[in-house]
N, C-alpha and C. Protein backbone atom coordinates (compact mmCIF):
# COMPACT_ATOMS: atom_id res chain seq x y z
N MET A 1 -2.47 2.07 10.93
CA MET A 1 -1.74 3.06 11.78
C MET A 1 -1.43 4.65 10.67
N LYS A 2 -1.69 5.48 11.40
CA LYS A 2 -1.60 6.51 10.62
C LYS A 2 -0.28 7.42 11.65
N HIS A 3 0.36 7.70 10.16
CA HIS A 3 1.70 8.17 10.61
C HIS A 3 2.07 9.21 9.39
N ALA A 4 2.82 10.23 9.40
CA ALA A 4 2.80 11.13 8.36
C ALA A 4 3.89 10.76 7.17
N LYS A 5 4.80 10.04 7.88
CA LYS A 5 5.99 9.35 7.07
C LYS A 5 5.53 7.98 6.36
N ILE A 6 4.29 7.40 6.86
CA ILE A 6 3.78 6.05 6.41
C ILE A 6 2.95 6.26 5.34
N LEU A 7 2.84 5.62 4.01
CA LEU A 7 1.83 5.27 3.09
C LEU A 7 0.76 4.41 3.40
N HIS A 8 1.46 3.30 3.78
CA HIS A 8 0.76 2.01 3.60
C HIS A 8 1.43 1.04 4.79
N TRP A 9 0.54 0.55 5.64
CA TRP A 9 0.85 -0.10 6.62
C TRP A 9 0.13 -1.73 6.44
N ASP A 10 0.67 -2.79 6.22
CA ASP A 10 -0.20 -3.82 5.75
C ASP A 10 0.26 -4.90 6.95
N ASP A 11 -0.98 -5.52 7.57
CA ASP A 11 -0.77 -6.53 8.54
C ASP A 11 -0.81 -7.97 7.36
N GLU A 12 0.18 -8.60 7.55
CA GLU A 12 0.19 -9.73 6.70
C GLU A 12 0.44 -11.34 7.59
N ARG A 13 0.23 -11.13 8.78
CA ARG A 13 0.35 -11.90 9.78
C ARG A 13 -0.47 -13.23 9.23
N ARG A 14 -1.65 -13.03 8.62
CA ARG A 14 -2.44 -13.93 8.40
C ARG A 14 -1.71 -15.34 6.98
N TYR A 15 -0.76 -14.54 6.60
CA TYR A 15 0.24 -15.27 5.68
C TYR A 15 1.66 -15.72 6.06
N GLY A 16 1.54 -15.24 7.36
CA GLY A 16 2.82 -15.71 8.05
C GLY A 16 4.13 -14.68 7.85
N ASN A 17 3.62 -13.55 7.41
CA ASN A 17 4.75 -12.41 7.00
C ASN A 17 4.79 -11.46 7.94
N GLY A 18 4.10 -11.38 8.82
CA GLY A 18 4.36 -10.15 9.84
C GLY A 18 3.48 -8.96 9.27
N PHE A 19 4.46 -7.73 9.57
CA PHE A 19 4.07 -6.46 9.05
C PHE A 19 4.69 -5.95 7.81
N MET A 20 4.26 -5.30 7.07
CA MET A 20 5.01 -4.62 5.62
C MET A 20 4.42 -2.96 5.63
N ILE A 21 5.50 -2.31 5.77
CA ILE A 21 5.32 -0.84 5.92
C ILE A 21 5.90 -0.27 4.54
N THR A 22 5.13 0.59 3.93
CA THR A 22 5.55 1.41 2.67
C THR A 22 5.62 2.93 3.15
N THR A 23 6.69 3.37 2.80
CA THR A 23 7.14 5.11 3.16
C THR A 23 6.16 5.93 2.24
N ALA A 24 5.75 6.81 2.60
CA ALA A 24 5.11 8.33 1.95
C ALA A 24 6.22 8.46 1.30
N TYR A 25 5.57 9.15 0.16
CA TYR A 25 6.66 9.88 -0.90
C TYR A 25 7.09 11.16 -0.22
N GLY A 26 8.82 10.80 -0.20
CA GLY A 26 9.54 11.95 0.19
C GLY A 26 10.33 11.12 1.32
N TRP A 27 10.01 10.02 1.75
CA TRP A 27 10.64 9.33 2.95
C TRP A 27 10.85 7.92 2.48
N ALA A 28 12.08 7.43 3.20
CA ALA A 28 12.52 6.29 2.83
C ALA A 28 13.23 5.38 4.31
N PHE A 29 13.09 4.21 4.23
CA PHE A 29 14.44 3.71 5.31
C PHE A 29 15.61 3.82 4.96
N ASP A 30 15.93 3.78 3.72
CA ASP A 30 17.21 3.84 3.41
C ASP A 30 17.22 4.63 2.16
N PRO A 31 17.42 6.04 2.27
CA PRO A 31 17.21 6.72 0.72
C PRO A 31 18.43 6.71 0.33
N ASP A 32 18.19 7.11 -1.00
CA ASP A 32 19.34 7.07 -2.18
C ASP A 32 18.62 7.91 -3.49
N GLU A 33 19.53 8.57 -3.80
CA GLU A 33 19.06 9.08 -5.31
C GLU A 33 18.78 8.48 -6.08
N ASP A 34 19.12 7.22 -6.26
CA ASP A 34 18.59 6.21 -7.20
C ASP A 34 17.45 5.55 -6.67
N GLU A 35 16.19 5.75 -7.33
CA GLU A 35 15.14 5.32 -6.72
C GLU A 35 15.03 3.45 -6.65
N ASN A 36 15.61 3.02 -7.56
CA ASN A 36 16.01 1.42 -7.31
C ASN A 36 16.90 0.98 -6.46
N SER A 37 17.43 2.08 -5.54
CA SER A 37 18.60 1.73 -4.67
C SER A 37 17.72 1.99 -3.35
N ALA A 38 16.80 2.94 -3.30
CA ALA A 38 16.12 3.62 -1.93
C ALA A 38 15.28 2.65 -1.52
N SER A 39 15.21 2.31 -0.21
CA SER A 39 14.44 1.27 0.19
C SER A 39 13.14 2.17 0.95
N HIS A 40 11.92 1.81 0.27
CA HIS A 40 10.84 2.43 0.70
C HIS A 40 9.70 1.43 1.28
N VAL A 41 10.11 0.15 1.18
CA VAL A 41 9.23 -0.95 1.87
C VAL A 41 10.06 -2.20 2.54
N LYS A 42 9.48 -2.33 4.02
CA LYS A 42 10.27 -2.87 4.91
C LYS A 42 9.43 -3.80 5.65
N GLY A 43 9.82 -5.05 6.07
CA GLY A 43 8.69 -6.12 6.57
C GLY A 43 9.14 -6.15 8.20
N PHE A 44 8.38 -6.43 9.13
CA PHE A 44 8.81 -6.61 10.26
C PHE A 44 7.88 -7.80 11.02
N ASP A 45 8.57 -8.41 11.90
CA ASP A 45 7.85 -9.58 12.55
C ASP A 45 6.77 -9.00 13.65
N THR A 46 6.70 -7.90 14.32
CA THR A 46 5.78 -7.75 14.97
C THR A 46 5.44 -6.01 15.11
N ALA A 47 4.23 -5.61 15.44
CA ALA A 47 3.98 -4.09 15.35
C ALA A 47 5.12 -3.50 16.15
N LYS A 48 5.45 -3.91 17.21
CA LYS A 48 6.38 -3.04 18.27
C LYS A 48 7.51 -2.80 17.13
N ASP A 49 7.94 -3.81 16.45
CA ASP A 49 9.27 -3.65 15.98
C ASP A 49 8.95 -2.58 14.76
N ALA A 50 8.00 -2.32 13.99
CA ALA A 50 7.68 -1.81 13.03
C ALA A 50 7.57 -0.21 13.78
N ARG A 51 7.03 0.10 14.80
CA ARG A 51 6.79 1.43 15.50
C ARG A 51 8.23 1.68 15.91
N ALA A 52 8.97 0.97 16.12
CA ALA A 52 10.31 1.44 16.81
C ALA A 52 11.06 1.81 15.66
N GLU A 53 10.85 1.30 14.08
CA GLU A 53 11.69 1.67 13.37
C GLU A 53 11.16 3.06 12.93
N LEU A 54 10.15 3.55 12.91
CA LEU A 54 9.37 4.75 12.38
C LEU A 54 10.57 6.25 12.55
N LYS A 55 11.25 5.82 13.95
CA LYS A 55 12.10 7.30 13.96
C LYS A 55 13.52 7.08 13.15
N TRP A 56 13.75 5.95 12.61
CA TRP A 56 14.66 5.94 11.89
C TRP A 56 14.59 6.09 10.13
N ILE A 57 13.21 6.61 9.72
CA ILE A 57 12.84 6.90 8.43
C ILE A 57 13.21 8.32 8.10
N LYS A 58 14.16 8.17 6.85
CA LYS A 58 14.50 9.71 6.62
C LYS A 58 14.09 10.10 5.65
N PRO A 59 14.38 11.37 5.06
CA PRO A 59 14.14 12.11 3.71
C PRO A 59 14.64 11.69 2.65
N CYS A 60 13.82 11.65 1.38
CA CYS A 60 14.22 10.93 0.45
C CYS A 60 14.27 11.74 -0.95
N SER A 61 14.88 11.89 -2.04
CA SER A 61 15.06 12.74 -2.84
C SER A 61 15.41 11.84 -4.12
N CYS A 62 14.80 10.60 -4.06
CA CYS A 62 14.95 9.73 -5.24
C CYS A 62 13.68 10.34 -6.25
N GLY A 63 13.69 9.36 -7.57
CA GLY A 63 12.60 10.01 -8.69
C GLY A 63 11.27 9.46 -8.09
N ARG A 64 11.04 8.56 -7.37
CA ARG A 64 9.67 8.04 -7.00
C ARG A 64 9.08 9.12 -5.75
N CYS A 65 9.99 9.90 -5.23
CA CYS A 65 9.51 10.36 -3.95
C CYS A 65 9.54 12.01 -4.88
N THR A 66 10.28 12.70 -5.93
CA THR A 66 10.23 13.82 -6.51
C THR A 66 9.11 13.82 -7.36
N ARG A 67 8.85 12.51 -8.11
CA ARG A 67 7.62 12.90 -8.87
C ARG A 67 6.31 12.51 -8.20
N ALA A 68 6.12 12.12 -7.08
CA ALA A 68 4.76 12.17 -6.50
C ALA A 68 3.94 13.28 -6.76
N GLY A 69 2.82 12.89 -7.48
CA GLY A 69 1.80 14.02 -7.50
C GLY A 69 1.93 14.85 -8.81
N LYS A 70 3.06 14.49 -9.43
CA LYS A 70 3.13 15.14 -10.66
C LYS A 70 3.14 14.18 -11.97
N LYS A 71 2.56 14.73 -13.00
CA LYS A 71 2.49 14.02 -14.47
C LYS A 71 3.21 14.52 -15.56
C-alpha cells in the first residue's frame, strides 16, 4: 500500500499476526515529543481496519521524526 504517511506496511497474516504499519518520519499514531513514548508502529487484524486508521495518523515532532535523514 502506498500512502504518504506510511513508511512500511507488512502483511504478517501467514504468522497469524494480521497487518503491521510503520508510520513515515514526521507522523505517528500517537505522537509525543519523547520518541520512546510516541507510537509509530501499530498492528491490525484486517487491511480494512488498517486503512480506516490512516485518517487518525497525526504529525509527530519526536526525535525519530525530526532526525530523519540527518546525520
